[in-house]
Amino acid sequence: MDVREQSARGAAVWPWISTVARLGLAAVFLTAGGLKVTDLAASARAVNAYRLTSYDTAKVIGAVQPFLEIALGLLVLVGLAVRLSAAVAAAVLVIFMAGIVWAWARGLRIDCGCFSEGGELAGGRTAQYGWDLLRDAGFLILAGILLVKPRTRWSLDGFLLGARR
């Protein structure tokens, strides 16, 4: 296989890889936001457990965060402004990961609240910070794929920009 054939093959495969990354990242943000939006008080408690802000600020963040995650998930799902949406998703994931590192470094025993109510861990339960960071790093890789290769199948970007498919 010569260089031109390899290049053509890669050009044909990347939109599919990016589509899988886009749909996976959308599922992550829609699930996380959807699980939190039904109990904003629990979301506020999860944010407050990190002890980074006052409780009043944590309440505001906890109330806004689920809606931000859902909006971001919807943008990524439909493929609108894919590169920009992926950049925002990557920034949000880095903030989440920094919060987990902060909690771990301070010796806090909390559930990150990513896909649950979060907050202080009861009894002898231990935090799973290493796994949380690995999981979020995987999500960050999905966002990175979309930053580098934002052309995906079945996206509004492709429809609106008339991209060749």
C-alpha atoms as a PDB file:
ATOM      1  CA  MET A   1       0.000   0.000   0.000  1.00  0.00           C
ATOM      2  CA  ASP A   2       1.546   3.331  -1.041  1.00  0.00           C
ATOM      3  CA  VAL A   3       1.339   6.622   0.856  1.00  0.00           C
ATOM      4  CA  ARG A   4      -1.637   7.927  -1.145  1.00  0.00           C
ATOM      5  CA  GLU A   5      -3.667   4.792  -0.453  1.00  0.00           C
ATOM      6  CA  GLN A   6      -2.844   4.994   3.257  1.00  0.00           C
ATOM      7  CA  SER A   7      -3.807   8.661   3.324  1.00  0.00           C
ATOM      8  CA  ALA A   8      -7.112   7.972   1.539  1.00  0.00           C
ATOM      9  CA  ARG A   9      -7.876   5.104   3.872  1.00  0.00           C
ATOM     10  CA  GLY A  10      -7.160   7.258   6.928  1.00  0.00           C
ATOM     11  CA  ALA A  11      -9.347  10.030   5.530  1.00  0.00           C
ATOM     12  CA  ALA A  12     -12.194   7.536   5.188  1.00  0.00           C
ATOM     13  CA  VAL A  13     -11.776   6.025   8.658  1.00  0.00           C
ATOM     14  CA  TRP A  14     -11.302   9.151  10.795  1.00  0.00           C
ATOM     15  CA  PRO A  15     -14.840  10.492  10.424  1.00  0.00           C
ATOM     16  CA  TRP A  16     -16.132   7.188  11.821  1.00  0.00           C
ATOM     17  CA  ILE A  17     -13.664   7.218  14.735  1.00  0.00           C
ATOM     18  CA  SER A  18     -14.613  10.824  15.472  1.00  0.00           C
ATOM     19  CA  THR A  19     -18.312   9.952  15.295  1.00  0.00           C
ATOM     20  CA  VAL A  20     -17.852   7.222  17.907  1.00  0.00           C
ATOM     21  CA  ALA A  21     -15.886   9.696  20.079  1.00  0.00           C
ATOM     22  CA  ARG A  22     -18.606  12.327  19.622  1.00  0.00           C
ATOM     23  CA  LEU A  23     -21.424   9.966  20.566  1.00  0.00           C
ATOM     24  CA  GLY A  24     -19.478   8.586  23.530  1.00  0.00           C
ATOM     25  CA  LEU A  25     -18.666  12.058  24.868  1.00  0.00           C
ATOM     26  CA  ALA A  26     -22.290  13.128  24.385  1.00  0.00           C
ATOM     27  CA  ALA A  27     -23.480  10.084  26.340  1.00  0.00           C
ATOM     28  CA  VAL A  28     -21.115  10.939  29.199  1.00  0.00           C
ATOM     29  CA  PHE A  29     -22.303  14.529  29.571  1.00  0.00           C
ATOM     30  CA  LEU A  30     -25.987  13.738  29.025  1.00  0.00           C
ATOM     31  CA  THR A  31     -25.879  10.931  31.582  1.00  0.00           C
ATOM     32  CA  ALA A  32     -23.953  12.954  34.170  1.00  0.00           C
ATOM     33  CA  GLY A  33     -26.198  15.994  33.790  1.00  0.00           C
ATOM     34  CA  GLY A  34     -29.374  13.933  33.633  1.00  0.00           C
ATOM     35  CA  LEU A  35     -28.568  12.142  36.869  1.00  0.00           C
ATOM     36  CA  LYS A  36     -27.921  15.434  38.684  1.00  0.00           C
ATOM     37  CA  VAL A  37     -30.710  17.590  37.296  1.00  0.00           C
ATOM     38  CA  THR A  38     -33.421  15.771  39.256  1.00  0.00           C
ATOM     39  CA  ASP A  39     -31.831  16.672  42.622  1.00  0.00           C
ATOM     40  CA  LEU A  40     -30.069  20.026  42.530  1.00  0.00           C
ATOM     41  CA  ALA A  41     -29.650  20.047  46.311  1.00  0.00           C
ATOM     42  CA  ALA A  42     -27.615  16.831  46.104  1.00  0.00           C
ATOM     43  CA  SER A  43     -25.600  18.371  43.286  1.00  0.00           C
ATOM     44  CA  ALA A  44     -24.849  21.364  45.519  1.00  0.00           C
ATOM     45  CA  ARG A  45     -23.802  19.057  48.373  1.00  0.00           C
ATOM     46  CA  ALA A  46     -21.471  17.182  46.008  1.00  0.00           C
ATOM     47  CA  VAL A  47     -19.822  20.447  44.926  1.00  0.00           C
ATOM     48  CA  ASN A  48     -19.616  21.619  48.533  1.00  0.00           C
ATOM     49  CA  ALA A  49     -17.882  18.382  49.597  1.00  0.00           C
ATOM     50  CA  TYR A  50     -14.762  19.510  47.698  1.00  0.00           C
ATOM     51  CA  ARG A  51     -14.453  22.450  50.121  1.00  0.00           C
ATOM     52  CA  LEU A  52     -13.286  24.783  47.375  1.00  0.00           C
ATOM     53  CA  THR A  53     -15.958  27.462  47.795  1.00  0.00           C
ATOM     54  CA  SER A  54     -18.509  28.733  50.271  1.00  0.00           C
ATOM     55  CA  TYR A  55     -21.731  26.750  50.523  1.00  0.00           C
ATOM     56  CA  ASP A  56     -23.666  29.537  48.791  1.00  0.00           C
ATOM     57  CA  THR A  57     -21.285  29.416  45.823  1.00  0.00           C
ATOM     58  CA  ALA A  58     -21.432  25.608  45.813  1.00  0.00           C
ATOM     59  CA  LYS A  59     -25.250  25.838  45.624  1.00  0.00           C
ATOM     60  CA  VAL A  60     -25.029  28.029  42.521  1.00  0.00           C
ATOM     61  CA  ILE A  61     -22.428  25.777  40.880  1.00  0.00           C
ATOM     62  CA  GLY A  62     -24.423  22.687  41.822  1.00  0.00           C
ATOM     63  CA  ALA A  63     -27.569  24.189  40.269  1.00  0.00           C
ATOM     64  CA  VAL A  64     -25.876  25.295  37.035  1.00  0.00           C
ATOM     65  CA  GLN A  65     -23.580  22.312  36.458  1.00  0.00           C
ATOM     66  CA  PRO A  66     -26.228  19.733  35.431  1.00  0.00           C
ATOM     67  CA  PHE A  67     -27.716  22.130  32.872  1.00  0.00           C
ATOM     68  CA  LEU A  68     -24.254  22.941  31.497  1.00  0.00           C
ATOM     69  CA  GLU A  69     -23.512  19.223  31.166  1.00  0.00           C
ATOM     70  CA  ILE A  70     -26.820  18.560  29.395  1.00  0.00           C
ATOM     71  CA  ALA A  71     -26.372  21.522  27.027  1.00  0.00           C
ATOM     72  CA  LEU A  72     -22.827  20.444  26.240  1.00  0.00           C
ATOM     73  CA  GLY A  73     -23.978  16.854  25.730  1.00  0.00           C
ATOM     74  CA  LEU A  74     -26.697  17.984  23.317  1.00  0.00           C
ATOM     75  CA  LEU A  75     -24.273  20.142  21.299  1.00  0.00           C
ATOM     76  CA  VAL A  76     -21.846  17.254  21.006  1.00  0.00           C
ATOM     77  CA  LEU A  77     -24.638  14.775  20.239  1.00  0.00           C
ATOM     78  CA  VAL A  78     -26.029  16.749  17.305  1.00  0.00           C
ATOM     79  CA  GLY A  79     -22.542  17.714  16.143  1.00  0.00           C
ATOM     80  CA  LEU A  80     -22.903  21.480  16.270  1.00  0.00           C
ATOM     81  CA  ALA A  81     -19.626  23.408  16.580  1.00  0.00           C
ATOM     82  CA  VAL A  82     -17.882  20.107  17.268  1.00  0.00           C
ATOM     83  CA  ARG A  83     -14.379  21.491  17.800  1.00  0.00           C
ATOM     84  CA  LEU A  84     -15.615  24.279  20.091  1.00  0.00           C
ATOM     85  CA  SER A  85     -17.901  21.903  22.000  1.00  0.00           C
ATOM     86  CA  ALA A  86     -15.012  19.458  22.402  1.00  0.00           C
ATOM     87  CA  ALA A  87     -12.775  22.255  23.677  1.00  0.00           C
ATOM     88  CA  VAL A  88     -15.359  23.252  26.291  1.00  0.00           C
ATOM     89  CA  ALA A  89     -15.844  19.586  27.235  1.00  0.00           C
ATOM     90  CA  ALA A  90     -12.071  19.160  27.588  1.00  0.00           C
ATOM     91  CA  ALA A  91     -11.845  22.260  29.794  1.00  0.00           C
ATOM     92  CA  VAL A  92     -14.722  21.035  31.977  1.00  0.00           C
ATOM     93  CA  LEU A  93     -13.089  17.601  32.283  1.00  0.00           C
ATOM     94  CA  VAL A  94      -9.764  19.174  33.278  1.00  0.00           C
ATOM     95  CA  ILE A  95     -11.578  21.201  35.956  1.00  0.00           C
ATOM     96  CA  PHE A  96     -13.297  18.040  37.212  1.00  0.00           C
ATOM     97  CA  MET A  97      -9.976  16.179  37.284  1.00  0.00           C
ATOM     98  CA  ALA A  98      -8.299  19.071  39.133  1.00  0.00           C
ATOM     99  CA  GLY A  99     -11.075  18.918  41.726  1.00  0.00           C
ATOM    100  CA  ILE A 100     -10.513  15.188  42.213  1.00  0.00           C
ATOM    101  CA  VAL A 101      -6.757  15.718  42.579  1.00  0.00           C
ATOM    102  CA  TRP A 102      -7.467  18.526  45.060  1.00  0.00           C
ATOM    103  CA  ALA A 103      -9.736  16.298  47.165  1.00  0.00           C
ATOM    104  CA  TRP A 104      -7.210  13.437  47.047  1.00  0.00           C
ATOM    105  CA  ALA A 105      -4.310  15.713  48.034  1.00  0.00           C
ATOM    106  CA  ARG A 106      -6.281  17.147  50.940  1.00  0.00           C
ATOM    107  CA  GLY A 107      -7.226  13.694  52.201  1.00  0.00           C
ATOM    108  CA  LEU A 108     -10.948  14.205  51.724  1.00  0.00           C
ATOM    109  CA  ARG A 109     -13.076  11.064  51.565  1.00  0.00           C
ATOM    110  CA  ILE A 110     -15.734  11.980  49.060  1.00  0.00           C
ATOM    111  CA  ASP A 111     -17.532  10.513  46.078  1.00  0.00           C
ATOM    112  CA  CYS A 112     -16.721  12.770  43.125  1.00  0.00           C
ATOM    113  CA  GLY A 113     -20.406  13.188  42.265  1.00  0.00           C
ATOM    114  CA  CYS A 114     -19.763  12.649  38.569  1.00  0.00           C
ATOM    115  CA  PHE A 115     -22.492  10.050  38.074  1.00  0.00           C
ATOM    116  CA  SER A 116     -23.998   9.976  41.554  1.00  0.00           C
ATOM    117  CA  GLU A 117     -25.146  12.223  44.356  1.00  0.00           C
ATOM    118  CA  GLY A 118     -21.545  12.602  45.539  1.00  0.00           C
ATOM    119  CA  GLY A 119     -20.591  14.056  48.875  1.00  0.00           C
ATOM    120  CA  GLU A 120     -18.889  12.676  51.943  1.00  0.00           C
ATOM    121  CA  LEU A 121     -18.363   8.919  52.053  1.00  0.00           C
ATOM    122  CA  ALA A 122     -20.017   7.157  54.961  1.00  0.00           C
ATOM    123  CA  GLY A 123     -18.511   4.499  57.175  1.00  0.00           C
ATOM    124  CA  GLY A 124     -15.384   2.701  56.046  1.00  0.00           C
ATOM    125  CA  ARG A 125     -15.873   3.426  52.337  1.00  0.00           C
ATOM    126  CA  THR A 126     -12.812   4.768  50.584  1.00  0.00           C
ATOM    127  CA  ALA A 127     -12.659   7.162  47.686  1.00  0.00           C
ATOM    128  CA  GLN A 128     -11.857   5.798  44.246  1.00  0.00           C
ATOM    129  CA  TYR A 129      -9.837   8.806  43.070  1.00  0.00           C
ATOM    130  CA  GLY A 130      -7.435   6.817  40.884  1.00  0.00           C
ATOM    131  CA  TRP A 131     -10.274   5.179  38.978  1.00  0.00           C
ATOM    132  CA  ASP A 132     -12.147   8.466  38.720  1.00  0.00           C
ATOM    133  CA  LEU A 133      -9.084  10.119  37.188  1.00  0.00           C
ATOM    134  CA  LEU A 134      -8.512   7.255  34.747  1.00  0.00           C
ATOM    135  CA  ARG A 135     -12.145   7.338  33.673  1.00  0.00           C
ATOM    136  CA  ASP A 136     -12.045  11.104  33.166  1.00  0.00           C
ATOM    137  CA  ALA A 137      -8.748  10.784  31.270  1.00  0.00           C
ATOM    138  CA  GLY A 138     -10.538   8.407  28.896  1.00  0.00           C
ATOM    139  CA  PHE A 139     -13.292  10.980  28.413  1.00  0.00           C
ATOM    140  CA  LEU A 140     -10.601  13.616  27.840  1.00  0.00           C
ATOM    141  CA  ILE A 141      -9.145  11.436  25.074  1.00  0.00           C
ATOM    142  CA  LEU A 142     -12.568  11.419  23.382  1.00  0.00           C
ATOM    143  CA  ALA A 143     -12.624  15.225  23.521  1.00  0.00           C
ATOM    144  CA  GLY A 144      -9.052  15.308  22.210  1.00  0.00           C
ATOM    145  CA  ILE A 145      -9.992  13.201  19.202  1.00  0.00           C
ATOM    146  CA  LEU A 146     -12.726  15.706  18.381  1.00  0.00           C
ATOM    147  CA  LEU A 147     -10.354  18.643  18.810  1.00  0.00           C
ATOM    148  CA  VAL A 148      -7.930  17.140  16.298  1.00  0.00           C
ATOM    149  CA  LYS A 149     -10.449  15.492  13.939  1.00  0.00           C
ATOM    150  CA  PRO A 150     -13.794  17.322  14.320  1.00  0.00           C
ATOM    151  CA  ARG A 151     -15.332  16.026  11.079  1.00  0.00           C
ATOM    152  CA  THR A 152     -17.861  13.387  11.989  1.00  0.00           C
ATOM    153  CA  ARG A 153     -20.698  11.530  10.342  1.00  0.00           C
ATOM    154  CA  TRP A 154     -24.312  12.595  10.890  1.00  0.00           C
ATOM    155  CA  SER A 155     -23.461  16.005  12.329  1.00  0.00           C
ATOM    156  CA  LEU A 156     -25.123  19.377  11.985  1.00  0.00           C
ATOM    157  CA  ASP A 157     -21.708  20.820  11.167  1.00  0.00           C
ATOM    158  CA  GLY A 158     -21.510  18.532   8.136  1.00  0.00           C
ATOM    159  CA  PHE A 159     -25.044  19.381   7.085  1.00  0.00           C
ATOM    160  CA  LEU A 160     -24.658  23.133   7.552  1.00  0.00           C
ATOM    161  CA  LEU A 161     -21.207  23.382   6.012  1.00  0.00           C
ATOM    162  CA  GLY A 162     -21.980  20.969   3.184  1.00  0.00           C
ATOM    163  CA  ALA A 163     -18.976  18.818   4.062  1.00  0.00           C
ATOM    164  CA  ARG A 164     -18.137  15.994   1.702  1.00  0.00           C
ATOM    165  CA  ARG A 165     -19.031  12.632   3.222  1.00  0.00           C
END
